[in-house]
Amino acid sequence: MKLFKKLTATLLVATLAFGSAVTAFAADTTATGSGTFEGVEPEYLAVAVTYPTVGAGIFNYTADPNKLITRFADDDTKALYPTSGDTYVYFPTADSKFANKSQAVEITNENAQDLDVSVKVELAEEYTGNIGFATTGTWTADQKDKEIYLAVAETGADTGDDANVVPVGTTATTFTMKIAGVPTNFEVKRTVGDDGKATYAYQQIASPAAWNKKSFFVTGAINTNATWTDADEATPSIKLTWSAAEHKDGYVSATTVSAASNEVTLSLPAGVTLTKIELLKSGATTPVQMKAGTHYAVSGTTYTFIADMLTAWTGATLTFTYSDGKTDVVTVQ
């Protein structure tokens, strides 16, 4: 009996001990995580250009077709003028002398992007004098017409050669200089705001490399073979206007058109205009000039070609020609 009681007590203690070791499981625990977007690819800073201060009167000129200065001026005065290759049209230089071309206007591109500088040259006012406008600055001995040659020219940045020469005439003309940007002069900086969000933006580095630059000037010549007898011969006045914009490989918004997609939009720099649109059919050698209202409609800068015509012109090309001499070619599909 005593042994039974001992066994019973021992089992009771073991049961209590076992029961107290059992763990009660709680409800499931969860956690969530939210995502943030780090940002988009940073873009270069908007193109900004600081134009140089142009001295007053740098494009003023004196025409001396009778060579009076070189024939009759005193030696001190003659020393101020060209001693060789004289074209007898004189512009003031920065050192108070005279040259056959004006002082240059230099534009510096302090951007990552390439820059297009458009230079528009035109008469400052209607010219009613009797001097003609020549397209070249040389005349043969038998050419006796009263003519003057005035032109705007781009100065070659590396070779010193003159390129992109635009003669002055009775109608305005524009040419464009492309100045390369220097993207390595900029770096991307990451900034974290008070809200914890990061932004990425380009900024100029502390010690940028040399910037690219180009310049242009006015040059002139006059026909000394002509007879100049009018004491008050009226000479033409000129006006130059220049502006800059980010370079674009083409002015037209698309390289192809079709009956289903028959619109293109032009993005032209200041002073540049569309001169003509020509169609060259597949297999043809002579282009046909397109006419507004007949072959296409114009609304602002958008040109909409007649869809049925485009269907008949499949395989042809449309060449857009601009006043700065550039062209865009669009293929008809």
C-alpha atoms as a PDB file:
ATOM      1  CA  MET A   1       0.000   0.000   0.000  1.00  0.00           C
ATOM      2  CA  LYS A   2       2.779   2.370   0.869  1.00  0.00           C
ATOM      3  CA  LEU A   3       4.509   1.447  -2.360  1.00  0.00           C
ATOM      4  CA  PHE A   4       1.358   2.190  -4.378  1.00  0.00           C
ATOM      5  CA  LYS A   5       1.015   5.598  -2.794  1.00  0.00           C
ATOM      6  CA  LYS A   6       4.656   6.402  -3.586  1.00  0.00           C
ATOM      7  CA  LEU A   7       4.148   5.441  -7.214  1.00  0.00           C
ATOM      8  CA  THR A   8       1.005   7.466  -7.449  1.00  0.00           C
ATOM      9  CA  ALA A   9       2.708  10.530  -6.006  1.00  0.00           C
ATOM     10  CA  THR A  10       5.645  10.137  -8.365  1.00  0.00           C
ATOM     11  CA  LEU A  11       3.366   9.912 -11.415  1.00  0.00           C
ATOM     12  CA  LEU A  12       1.444  12.954 -10.292  1.00  0.00           C
ATOM     13  CA  VAL A  13       4.628  15.008  -9.974  1.00  0.00           C
ATOM     14  CA  ALA A  14       5.846  13.871 -13.409  1.00  0.00           C
ATOM     15  CA  THR A  15       2.501  14.704 -14.937  1.00  0.00           C
ATOM     16  CA  LEU A  16       2.569  18.192 -13.482  1.00  0.00           C
ATOM     17  CA  ALA A  17       6.139  18.697 -14.603  1.00  0.00           C
ATOM     18  CA  PHE A  18       5.362  17.536 -18.163  1.00  0.00           C
ATOM     19  CA  GLY A  19       2.289  19.693 -18.345  1.00  0.00           C
ATOM     20  CA  SER A  20       4.159  22.790 -17.290  1.00  0.00           C
ATOM     21  CA  ALA A  21       6.741  22.305 -20.139  1.00  0.00           C
ATOM     22  CA  VAL A  22       4.175  22.508 -23.018  1.00  0.00           C
ATOM     23  CA  THR A  23       4.494  25.864 -25.101  1.00  0.00           C
ATOM     24  CA  ALA A  24       1.337  27.683 -26.201  1.00  0.00           C
ATOM     25  CA  PHE A  25       1.761  28.959 -29.873  1.00  0.00           C
ATOM     26  CA  ALA A  26       0.797  32.658 -30.570  1.00  0.00           C
ATOM     27  CA  ALA A  27      -0.855  34.078 -33.777  1.00  0.00           C
ATOM     28  CA  ASP A  28       1.335  34.544 -37.002  1.00  0.00           C
ATOM     29  CA  THR A  29       3.628  37.634 -37.133  1.00  0.00           C
ATOM     30  CA  THR A  30       3.929  39.613 -40.431  1.00  0.00           C
ATOM     31  CA  ALA A  31       6.042  42.525 -41.713  1.00  0.00           C
ATOM     32  CA  THR A  32       5.720  44.673 -44.835  1.00  0.00           C
ATOM     33  CA  GLY A  33       8.270  46.514 -47.007  1.00  0.00           C
ATOM     34  CA  SER A  34       7.618  49.516 -49.254  1.00  0.00           C
ATOM     35  CA  GLY A  35       9.633  50.411 -52.327  1.00  0.00           C
ATOM     36  CA  THR A  36      10.929  53.719 -53.601  1.00  0.00           C
ATOM     37  CA  PHE A  37      12.048  54.676 -57.106  1.00  0.00           C
ATOM     38  CA  GLU A  38      15.580  56.054 -57.143  1.00  0.00           C
ATOM     39  CA  GLY A  39      14.990  58.381 -60.053  1.00  0.00           C
ATOM     40  CA  VAL A  40      15.271  58.903 -63.792  1.00  0.00           C
ATOM     41  CA  GLU A  41      18.300  59.399 -65.989  1.00  0.00           C
ATOM     42  CA  PRO A  42      19.539  62.965 -65.383  1.00  0.00           C
ATOM     43  CA  GLU A  43      19.451  65.393 -68.279  1.00  0.00           C
ATOM     44  CA  TYR A  44      22.079  67.938 -69.184  1.00  0.00           C
ATOM     45  CA  LEU A  45      21.465  71.489 -68.103  1.00  0.00           C
ATOM     46  CA  ALA A  46      19.487  73.604 -70.542  1.00  0.00           C
ATOM     47  CA  VAL A  47      21.669  75.314 -73.115  1.00  0.00           C
ATOM     48  CA  ALA A  48      22.780  78.764 -72.003  1.00  0.00           C
ATOM     49  CA  VAL A  49      24.859  81.206 -74.028  1.00  0.00           C
ATOM     50  CA  THR A  50      26.515  84.433 -73.010  1.00  0.00           C
ATOM     51  CA  TYR A  51      27.081  86.559 -76.082  1.00  0.00           C
ATOM     52  CA  PRO A  52      30.186  88.726 -76.304  1.00  0.00           C
ATOM     53  CA  THR A  53      29.991  92.483 -76.137  1.00  0.00           C
ATOM     54  CA  VAL A  54      30.476  93.759 -79.661  1.00  0.00           C
ATOM     55  CA  GLY A  55      32.280  97.035 -80.072  1.00  0.00           C
ATOM     56  CA  ALA A  56      30.327  99.850 -81.652  1.00  0.00           C
ATOM     57  CA  GLY A  57      30.954 100.262 -85.344  1.00  0.00           C
ATOM     58  CA  ILE A  58      33.069  97.142 -85.936  1.00  0.00           C
ATOM     59  CA  PHE A  59      31.078  96.439 -89.115  1.00  0.00           C
ATOM     60  CA  ASN A  60      31.349  99.988 -90.447  1.00  0.00           C
ATOM     61  CA  TYR A  61      33.484 100.195 -93.543  1.00  0.00           C
ATOM     62  CA  THR A  62      35.054 102.625 -96.004  1.00  0.00           C
ATOM     63  CA  ALA A  63      35.130 101.791 -99.717  1.00  0.00           C
ATOM     64  CA  ASP A  64      37.998 103.351-101.666  1.00  0.00           C
ATOM     65  CA  PRO A  65      37.724 102.082-105.269  1.00  0.00           C
ATOM     66  CA  ASN A  66      39.852 104.965-106.555  1.00  0.00           C
ATOM     67  CA  LYS A  67      42.695 103.964-104.182  1.00  0.00           C
ATOM     68  CA  LEU A  68      42.917 107.499-102.826  1.00  0.00           C
ATOM     69  CA  ILE A  69      44.314 106.493 -99.454  1.00  0.00           C
ATOM     70  CA  THR A  70      47.143 104.395-100.803  1.00  0.00           C
ATOM     71  CA  ARG A  71      47.967 106.971-103.501  1.00  0.00           C
ATOM     72  CA  PHE A  72      47.764 110.283-101.675  1.00  0.00           C
ATOM     73  CA  ALA A  73      47.716 109.799 -97.887  1.00  0.00           C
ATOM     74  CA  ASP A  74      50.839 110.609 -95.884  1.00  0.00           C
ATOM     75  CA  ASP A  75      53.151 107.791 -94.865  1.00  0.00           C
ATOM     76  CA  ASP A  76      51.859 107.627 -91.295  1.00  0.00           C
ATOM     77  CA  THR A  77      48.307 107.183 -92.563  1.00  0.00           C
ATOM     78  CA  LYS A  78      49.294 104.635 -95.200  1.00  0.00           C
ATOM     79  CA  ALA A  79      50.969 102.569 -92.483  1.00  0.00           C
ATOM     80  CA  LEU A  80      47.549 102.003 -90.926  1.00  0.00           C
ATOM     81  CA  TYR A  81      46.211 100.227 -94.019  1.00  0.00           C
ATOM     82  CA  PRO A  82      46.966  96.843 -95.633  1.00  0.00           C
ATOM     83  CA  THR A  83      50.265  96.675 -97.462  1.00  0.00           C
ATOM     84  CA  SER A  84      49.449  93.627 -99.606  1.00  0.00           C
ATOM     85  CA  GLY A  85      46.383  91.928-101.007  1.00  0.00           C
ATOM     86  CA  ASP A  86      44.374  95.104-100.555  1.00  0.00           C
ATOM     87  CA  THR A  87      40.710  94.877-101.610  1.00  0.00           C
ATOM     88  CA  TYR A  88      40.054  98.589-100.878  1.00  0.00           C
ATOM     89  CA  VAL A  89      37.208  98.031 -98.435  1.00  0.00           C
ATOM     90  CA  TYR A  90      38.380  98.889 -94.922  1.00  0.00           C
ATOM     91  CA  PHE A  91      37.105  97.996 -91.469  1.00  0.00           C
ATOM     92  CA  PRO A  92      38.483  99.381 -88.194  1.00  0.00           C
ATOM     93  CA  THR A  93      40.672  96.992 -86.200  1.00  0.00           C
ATOM     94  CA  ALA A  94      41.047  96.730 -82.432  1.00  0.00           C
ATOM     95  CA  ASP A  95      44.447  98.453 -82.566  1.00  0.00           C
ATOM     96  CA  SER A  96      43.138 101.544 -84.404  1.00  0.00           C
ATOM     97  CA  LYS A  97      44.273 100.386 -87.814  1.00  0.00           C
ATOM     98  CA  PHE A  98      42.279  99.223 -90.841  1.00  0.00           C
ATOM     99  CA  ALA A  99      41.894  95.821 -92.469  1.00  0.00           C
ATOM    100  CA  ASN A 100      39.928  94.264 -95.319  1.00  0.00           C
ATOM    101  CA  LYS A 101      37.854  92.344 -92.813  1.00  0.00           C
ATOM    102  CA  SER A 102      36.137  93.342 -89.606  1.00  0.00           C
ATOM    103  CA  GLN A 103      36.970  92.344 -86.094  1.00  0.00           C
ATOM    104  CA  ALA A 104      35.663  88.858 -85.370  1.00  0.00           C
ATOM    105  CA  VAL A 105      32.698  88.053 -83.156  1.00  0.00           C
ATOM    106  CA  GLU A 106      33.610  85.001 -81.089  1.00  0.00           C
ATOM    107  CA  ILE A 107      31.021  82.679 -79.536  1.00  0.00           C
ATOM    108  CA  THR A 108      32.058  80.240 -76.801  1.00  0.00           C
ATOM    109  CA  ASN A 109      30.032  77.105 -76.098  1.00  0.00           C
ATOM    110  CA  GLU A 110      30.136  76.503 -72.333  1.00  0.00           C
ATOM    111  CA  ASN A 111      27.659  73.620 -72.503  1.00  0.00           C
ATOM    112  CA  ALA A 112      27.749  69.854 -72.622  1.00  0.00           C
ATOM    113  CA  GLN A 113      25.610  69.860 -75.756  1.00  0.00           C
ATOM    114  CA  ASP A 114      26.689  70.916 -79.223  1.00  0.00           C
ATOM    115  CA  LEU A 115      25.539  74.383 -80.164  1.00  0.00           C
ATOM    116  CA  ASP A 116      24.241  75.821 -83.435  1.00  0.00           C
ATOM    117  CA  VAL A 117      24.917  79.529 -83.893  1.00  0.00           C
ATOM    118  CA  SER A 118      22.806  80.993 -86.698  1.00  0.00           C
ATOM    119  CA  VAL A 119      24.037  84.219 -88.277  1.00  0.00           C
ATOM    120  CA  LYS A 120      21.578  86.166 -90.400  1.00  0.00           C
ATOM    121  CA  VAL A 121      22.988  88.826 -92.729  1.00  0.00           C
ATOM    122  CA  GLU A 122      20.848  91.328 -94.590  1.00  0.00           C
ATOM    123  CA  LEU A 123      20.678  94.929 -95.670  1.00  0.00           C
ATOM    124  CA  ALA A 124      19.967  97.244 -92.754  1.00  0.00           C
ATOM    125  CA  GLU A 125      17.595  99.174 -94.973  1.00  0.00           C
ATOM    126  CA  GLU A 126      16.423  99.130 -98.566  1.00  0.00           C
ATOM    127  CA  TYR A 127      19.306 100.062-100.834  1.00  0.00           C
ATOM    128  CA  THR A 128      18.477 102.473-103.663  1.00  0.00           C
ATOM    129  CA  GLY A 129      22.003 103.315-104.803  1.00  0.00           C
ATOM    130  CA  ASN A 130      23.600 102.286-108.076  1.00  0.00           C
ATOM    131  CA  ILE A 131      26.229  99.881-106.718  1.00  0.00           C
ATOM    132  CA  GLY A 132      25.595  96.247-107.535  1.00  0.00           C
ATOM    133  CA  PHE A 133      26.206  93.325-105.196  1.00  0.00           C
ATOM    134  CA  ALA A 134      28.904  90.887-106.295  1.00  0.00           C
ATOM    135  CA  THR A 135      29.053  87.265-105.176  1.00  0.00           C
ATOM    136  CA  THR A 136      32.844  87.155-105.331  1.00  0.00           C
ATOM    137  CA  GLY A 137      35.564  89.594-104.381  1.00  0.00           C
ATOM    138  CA  THR A 138      37.602  89.453-107.588  1.00  0.00           C
ATOM    139  CA  TRP A 139      37.038  90.991-111.004  1.00  0.00           C
ATOM    140  CA  THR A 140      38.805  90.610-114.343  1.00  0.00           C
ATOM    141  CA  ALA A 141      40.167  93.652-116.151  1.00  0.00           C
ATOM    142  CA  ASP A 142      37.250  93.702-118.596  1.00  0.00           C
ATOM    143  CA  GLN A 143      34.611  93.751-115.846  1.00  0.00           C
ATOM    144  CA  LYS A 144      33.720  97.406-115.389  1.00  0.00           C
ATOM    145  CA  ASP A 145      30.468  97.299-113.420  1.00  0.00           C
ATOM    146  CA  LYS A 146      30.179  99.279-110.208  1.00  0.00           C
ATOM    147  CA  GLU A 147      30.037  96.429-107.729  1.00  0.00           C
ATOM    148  CA  ILE A 148      30.858  95.815-104.108  1.00  0.00           C
ATOM    149  CA  TYR A 149      31.421  92.493-102.410  1.00  0.00           C
ATOM    150  CA  LEU A 150      30.396  92.193 -98.773  1.00  0.00           C
ATOM    151  CA  ALA A 151      30.200  88.821 -97.057  1.00  0.00           C
ATOM    152  CA  VAL A 152      30.010  87.217 -93.640  1.00  0.00           C
ATOM    153  CA  ALA A 153      32.495  84.411 -93.103  1.00  0.00           C
ATOM    154  CA  GLU A 154      33.130  81.844 -90.409  1.00  0.00           C
ATOM    155  CA  THR A 155      36.700  81.721 -89.189  1.00  0.00           C
ATOM    156  CA  GLY A 156      38.186  78.218 -89.205  1.00  0.00           C
ATOM    157  CA  ALA A 157      38.871  77.236 -85.600  1.00  0.00           C
ATOM    158  CA  ASP A 158      41.962  75.123 -86.330  1.00  0.00           C
ATOM    159  CA  THR A 159      43.316  75.879 -89.799  1.00  0.00           C
ATOM    160  CA  GLY A 160      42.624  79.575 -90.039  1.00  0.00           C
ATOM    161  CA  ASP A 161      40.814  78.991 -93.313  1.00  0.00           C
ATOM    162  CA  ASP A 162      37.585  80.827 -93.948  1.00  0.00           C
ATOM    163  CA  ALA A 163      34.543  78.657 -94.430  1.00  0.00           C
ATOM    164  CA  ASN A 164      30.792  79.119 -94.554  1.00  0.00           C
ATOM    165  CA  VAL A 165      31.008  82.353 -96.557  1.00  0.00           C
ATOM    166  CA  VAL A 166      27.694  84.121 -97.204  1.00  0.00           C
ATOM    167  CA  PRO A 167      27.672  87.117 -99.589  1.00  0.00           C
ATOM    168  CA  VAL A 168      25.413  90.049 -98.792  1.00  0.00           C
ATOM    169  CA  GLY A 169      22.663  90.618-101.334  1.00  0.00           C
ATOM    170  CA  THR A 170      19.231  92.103-101.639  1.00  0.00           C
ATOM    171  CA  THR A 171      17.657  89.209 -99.710  1.00  0.00           C
ATOM    172  CA  ALA A 172      18.514  88.007 -96.212  1.00  0.00           C
ATOM    173  CA  THR A 173      20.727  84.938 -95.899  1.00  0.00           C
ATOM    174  CA  THR A 174      21.534  82.774 -92.886  1.00  0.00           C
ATOM    175  CA  PHE A 175      24.370  80.391 -92.177  1.00  0.00           C
ATOM    176  CA  THR A 176      24.951  78.183 -89.145  1.00  0.00           C
ATOM    177  CA  MET A 177      28.124  77.366 -87.227  1.00  0.00           C
ATOM    178  CA  LYS A 178      28.208  74.193 -85.145  1.00  0.00           C
ATOM    179  CA  ILE A 179      30.259  74.486 -81.957  1.00  0.00           C
ATOM    180  CA  ALA A 180      30.964  71.252 -80.107  1.00  0.00           C
ATOM    181  CA  GLY A 181      30.062  70.985 -76.434  1.00  0.00           C
ATOM    182  CA  VAL A 182      32.305  69.481 -73.753  1.00  0.00           C
ATOM    183  CA  PRO A 183      30.262  66.884 -71.815  1.00  0.00           C
ATOM    184  CA  THR A 184      33.311  65.869 -69.753  1.00  0.00           C
ATOM    185  CA  ASN A 185      33.171  69.286 -68.094  1.00  0.00           C
ATOM    186  CA  PHE A 186      30.048  68.152 -66.249  1.00  0.00           C
ATOM    187  CA  GLU A 187      29.360  65.492 -63.636  1.00  0.00           C
ATOM    188  CA  VAL A 188      26.268  64.052 -61.981  1.00  0.00           C
ATOM    189  CA  LYS A 189      25.726  64.866 -58.311  1.00  0.00           C
ATOM    190  CA  ARG A 190      23.397  62.909 -56.006  1.00  0.00           C
ATOM    191  CA  THR A 191      21.509  64.968 -53.431  1.00  0.00           C
ATOM    192  CA  VAL A 192      19.198  63.603 -50.720  1.00  0.00           C
ATOM    193  CA  GLY A 193      16.450  65.944 -49.597  1.00  0.00           C
ATOM    194  CA  ASP A 194      14.776  66.315 -46.212  1.00  0.00           C
ATOM    195  CA  ASP A 195      12.136  63.844 -47.337  1.00  0.00           C
ATOM    196  CA  GLY A 196      14.809  61.222 -47.905  1.00  0.00           C
ATOM    197  CA  LYS A 197      14.392  61.245 -51.669  1.00  0.00           C
ATOM    198  CA  ALA A 198      17.464  61.380 -53.881  1.00  0.00           C
ATOM    199  CA  THR A 199      17.816  63.602 -56.932  1.00  0.00           C
ATOM    200  CA  TYR A 200      20.461  63.434 -59.638  1.00  0.00           C
ATOM    201  CA  ALA A 201      21.540  66.472 -61.623  1.00  0.00           C
ATOM    202  CA  TYR A 202      24.440  67.564 -63.781  1.00  0.00           C
ATOM    203  CA  GLN A 203      26.729  70.291 -62.560  1.00  0.00           C
ATOM    204  CA  GLN A 204      29.902  71.811 -63.942  1.00  0.00           C
ATOM    205  CA  ILE A 205      33.103  70.372 -62.525  1.00  0.00           C
ATOM    206  CA  ALA A 206      35.394  72.577 -60.470  1.00  0.00           C
ATOM    207  CA  SER A 207      38.174  72.790 -63.072  1.00  0.00           C
ATOM    208  CA  PRO A 208      36.637  72.461 -66.553  1.00  0.00           C
ATOM    209  CA  ALA A 209      38.754  71.885 -69.636  1.00  0.00           C
ATOM    210  CA  ALA A 210      38.942  74.476 -72.388  1.00  0.00           C
ATOM    211  CA  TRP A 211      35.636  75.257 -74.066  1.00  0.00           C
ATOM    212  CA  ASN A 212      35.160  75.190 -77.833  1.00  0.00           C
ATOM    213  CA  LYS A 213      34.591  78.431 -79.677  1.00  0.00           C
ATOM    214  CA  LYS A 214      34.093  79.788 -83.182  1.00  0.00           C
ATOM    215  CA  SER A 215      33.946  83.226 -84.703  1.00  0.00           C
ATOM    216  CA  PHE A 216      32.724  85.095 -87.746  1.00  0.00           C
ATOM    217  CA  PHE A 217      33.540  88.404 -89.409  1.00  0.00           C
ATOM    218  CA  VAL A 218      32.564  90.654 -92.316  1.00  0.00           C
ATOM    219  CA  THR A 219      34.867  90.979 -95.297  1.00  0.00           C
ATOM    220  CA  GLY A 220      34.659  93.170 -98.378  1.00  0.00           C
ATOM    221  CA  ALA A 221      36.081  94.179-101.748  1.00  0.00           C
ATOM    222  CA  ILE A 222      35.151  96.669-104.423  1.00  0.00           C
ATOM    223  CA  ASN A 223      35.672  96.685-108.195  1.00  0.00           C
ATOM    224  CA  THR A 224      38.519  99.106-108.875  1.00  0.00           C
ATOM    225  CA  ASN A 225      38.122  98.566-112.639  1.00  0.00           C
ATOM    226  CA  ALA A 226      34.914 100.576-112.689  1.00  0.00           C
ATOM    227  CA  THR A 227      34.791 104.337-113.132  1.00  0.00           C
ATOM    228  CA  TRP A 228      33.807 105.937-109.842  1.00  0.00           C
ATOM    229  CA  THR A 229      33.005 109.595-110.317  1.00  0.00           C
ATOM    230  CA  ASP A 230      30.044 110.310-108.045  1.00  0.00           C
ATOM    231  CA  ALA A 231      31.372 112.323-105.115  1.00  0.00           C
ATOM    232  CA  ASP A 232      28.603 111.037-102.849  1.00  0.00           C
ATOM    233  CA  GLU A 233      28.330 107.432-103.958  1.00  0.00           C
ATOM    234  CA  ALA A 234      25.817 105.735-101.655  1.00  0.00           C
ATOM    235  CA  THR A 235      27.107 102.508-100.115  1.00  0.00           C
ATOM    236  CA  PRO A 236      24.821  99.823 -98.662  1.00  0.00           C
ATOM    237  CA  SER A 237      24.432  99.332 -94.913  1.00  0.00           C
ATOM    238  CA  ILE A 238      24.333  95.822 -93.509  1.00  0.00           C
ATOM    239  CA  LYS A 239      22.824  94.208 -90.437  1.00  0.00           C
ATOM    240  CA  LEU A 240      23.874  91.000 -88.707  1.00  0.00           C
ATOM    241  CA  THR A 241      21.700  89.067 -86.258  1.00  0.00           C
ATOM    242  CA  TRP A 242      22.887  85.969 -84.459  1.00  0.00           C
ATOM    243  CA  SER A 243      21.324  83.488 -82.066  1.00  0.00           C
ATOM    244  CA  ALA A 244      22.189  80.104 -80.590  1.00  0.00           C
ATOM    245  CA  ALA A 245      20.294  76.887 -79.874  1.00  0.00           C
ATOM    246  CA  GLU A 246      21.091  73.297 -79.061  1.00  0.00           C
ATOM    247  CA  HIS A 247      22.352  71.487 -82.158  1.00  0.00           C
ATOM    248  CA  LYS A 248      20.016  69.144 -83.963  1.00  0.00           C
ATOM    249  CA  ASP A 249      21.102  66.785 -86.703  1.00  0.00           C
ATOM    250  CA  GLY A 250      17.958  67.619 -88.657  1.00  0.00           C
ATOM    251  CA  TYR A 251      15.174  70.157 -88.569  1.00  0.00           C
ATOM    252  CA  VAL A 252      12.449  67.723 -89.611  1.00  0.00           C
ATOM    253  CA  SER A 253      10.676  65.540 -87.048  1.00  0.00           C
ATOM    254  CA  ALA A 254      10.646  62.306 -89.073  1.00  0.00           C
ATOM    255  CA  THR A 255      12.818  60.576 -91.640  1.00  0.00           C
ATOM    256  CA  THR A 256       9.901  58.760 -93.289  1.00  0.00           C
ATOM    257  CA  VAL A 257       6.320  59.550 -94.278  1.00  0.00           C
ATOM    258  CA  SER A 258       3.498  57.404 -95.591  1.00  0.00           C
ATOM    259  CA  ALA A 259      -0.198  57.627 -96.379  1.00  0.00           C
ATOM    260  CA  ALA A 260      -0.933  56.553 -92.799  1.00  0.00           C
ATOM    261  CA  SER A 261       1.639  58.897 -91.257  1.00  0.00           C
ATOM    262  CA  ASN A 262       1.768  61.924 -93.513  1.00  0.00           C
ATOM    263  CA  GLU A 263       2.813  64.763 -91.181  1.00  0.00           C
ATOM    264  CA  VAL A 264       6.200  66.228 -90.330  1.00  0.00           C
ATOM    265  CA  THR A 265       7.065  69.121 -88.053  1.00  0.00           C
ATOM    266  CA  LEU A 266       9.948  71.517 -88.592  1.00  0.00           C
ATOM    267  CA  SER A 267      12.011  72.932 -85.729  1.00  0.00           C
ATOM    268  CA  LEU A 268      14.022  75.742 -87.281  1.00  0.00           C
ATOM    269  CA  PRO A 269      16.622  77.945 -85.566  1.00  0.00           C
ATOM    270  CA  ALA A 270      15.960  81.664 -85.402  1.00  0.00           C
ATOM    271  CA  GLY A 271      16.393  83.284 -88.792  1.00  0.00           C
ATOM    272  CA  VAL A 272      16.302  80.017 -90.748  1.00  0.00           C
ATOM    273  CA  THR A 273      13.416  79.426 -93.163  1.00  0.00           C
ATOM    274  CA  LEU A 274      12.289  76.612 -95.432  1.00  0.00           C
ATOM    275  CA  THR A 275      13.313  77.411 -98.996  1.00  0.00           C
ATOM    276  CA  LYS A 276      11.721  74.533-100.886  1.00  0.00           C
ATOM    277  CA  ILE A 277      10.579  70.920-100.808  1.00  0.00           C
ATOM    278  CA  GLU A 278      11.498  68.727-103.760  1.00  0.00           C
ATOM    279  CA  LEU A 279      10.254  65.248-104.665  1.00  0.00           C
ATOM    280  CA  LEU A 280      12.524  62.773-106.424  1.00  0.00           C
ATOM    281  CA  LYS A 281      10.576  59.736-107.568  1.00  0.00           C
ATOM    282  CA  SER A 282      12.173  56.312-107.508  1.00  0.00           C
ATOM    283  CA  GLY A 283      14.274  55.864-110.651  1.00  0.00           C
ATOM    284  CA  ALA A 284      13.994  59.526-111.657  1.00  0.00           C
ATOM    285  CA  THR A 285      16.909  61.946-112.006  1.00  0.00           C
ATOM    286  CA  THR A 286      15.102  65.294-111.969  1.00  0.00           C
ATOM    287  CA  PRO A 287      13.274  66.417-108.811  1.00  0.00           C
ATOM    288  CA  VAL A 288       9.867  68.075-108.831  1.00  0.00           C
ATOM    289  CA  GLN A 289       9.241  71.057-106.583  1.00  0.00           C
ATOM    290  CA  MET A 290       6.315  70.597-104.209  1.00  0.00           C
ATOM    291  CA  LYS A 291       3.720  73.325-103.830  1.00  0.00           C
ATOM    292  CA  ALA A 292       1.783  74.292-100.732  1.00  0.00           C
ATOM    293  CA  GLY A 293      -1.931  73.787-101.221  1.00  0.00           C
ATOM    294  CA  THR A 294      -1.336  71.311-104.048  1.00  0.00           C
ATOM    295  CA  HIS A 295       0.934  68.681-102.549  1.00  0.00           C
ATOM    296  CA  TYR A 296       0.837  69.577 -98.863  1.00  0.00           C
ATOM    297  CA  ALA A 297      -0.886  71.805 -96.320  1.00  0.00           C
ATOM    298  CA  VAL A 298       0.880  73.992 -93.766  1.00  0.00           C
ATOM    299  CA  SER A 299      -0.340  74.697 -90.259  1.00  0.00           C
ATOM    300  CA  GLY A 300       2.233  76.543 -88.212  1.00  0.00           C
ATOM    301  CA  THR A 301       5.319  74.340 -88.315  1.00  0.00           C
ATOM    302  CA  THR A 302       3.437  71.186 -89.342  1.00  0.00           C
ATOM    303  CA  TYR A 303       3.434  70.022 -92.962  1.00  0.00           C
ATOM    304  CA  THR A 304       0.759  67.514 -93.981  1.00  0.00           C
ATOM    305  CA  PHE A 305       1.226  65.764 -97.329  1.00  0.00           C
ATOM    306  CA  ILE A 306      -1.696  64.507 -99.417  1.00  0.00           C
ATOM    307  CA  ALA A 307      -2.096  60.859 -98.403  1.00  0.00           C
ATOM    308  CA  ASP A 308      -3.191  59.593-101.841  1.00  0.00           C
ATOM    309  CA  MET A 309      -0.148  61.192-103.418  1.00  0.00           C
ATOM    310  CA  LEU A 310       2.166  59.546-100.926  1.00  0.00           C
ATOM    311  CA  THR A 311       0.718  56.172-101.887  1.00  0.00           C
ATOM    312  CA  ALA A 312       1.652  56.861-105.504  1.00  0.00           C
ATOM    313  CA  TRP A 313       5.116  58.112-104.492  1.00  0.00           C
ATOM    314  CA  THR A 314       6.234  55.058-102.519  1.00  0.00           C
ATOM    315  CA  GLY A 315      10.019  54.797-102.708  1.00  0.00           C
ATOM    316  CA  ALA A 316      10.498  58.481-103.500  1.00  0.00           C
ATOM    317  CA  THR A 317      12.390  61.000-101.388  1.00  0.00           C
ATOM    318  CA  LEU A 318      11.385  64.471-100.226  1.00  0.00           C
ATOM    319  CA  THR A 319      14.257  66.928 -99.803  1.00  0.00           C
ATOM    320  CA  PHE A 320      13.696  69.904 -97.513  1.00  0.00           C
ATOM    321  CA  THR A 321      16.095  72.775 -98.270  1.00  0.00           C
ATOM    322  CA  TYR A 322      16.623  75.632 -95.821  1.00  0.00           C
ATOM    323  CA  SER A 323      17.942  79.168 -96.052  1.00  0.00           C
ATOM    324  CA  ASP A 324      21.152  78.228 -94.200  1.00  0.00           C
ATOM    325  CA  GLY A 325      22.024  75.711 -96.914  1.00  0.00           C
ATOM    326  CA  LYS A 326      21.155  72.617 -94.885  1.00  0.00           C
ATOM    327  CA  THR A 327      18.866  69.892 -96.176  1.00  0.00           C
ATOM    328  CA  ASP A 328      16.773  67.080 -94.700  1.00  0.00           C
ATOM    329  CA  VAL A 329      15.785  64.008 -96.716  1.00  0.00           C
ATOM    330  CA  VAL A 330      12.540  62.179 -95.924  1.00  0.00           C
ATOM    331  CA  THR A 331      11.733  58.828 -97.517  1.00  0.00           C
ATOM    332  CA  VAL A 332       8.211  58.005 -98.692  1.00  0.00           C
ATOM    333  CA  GLN A 333       7.107  54.547 -97.573  1.00  0.00           C
END
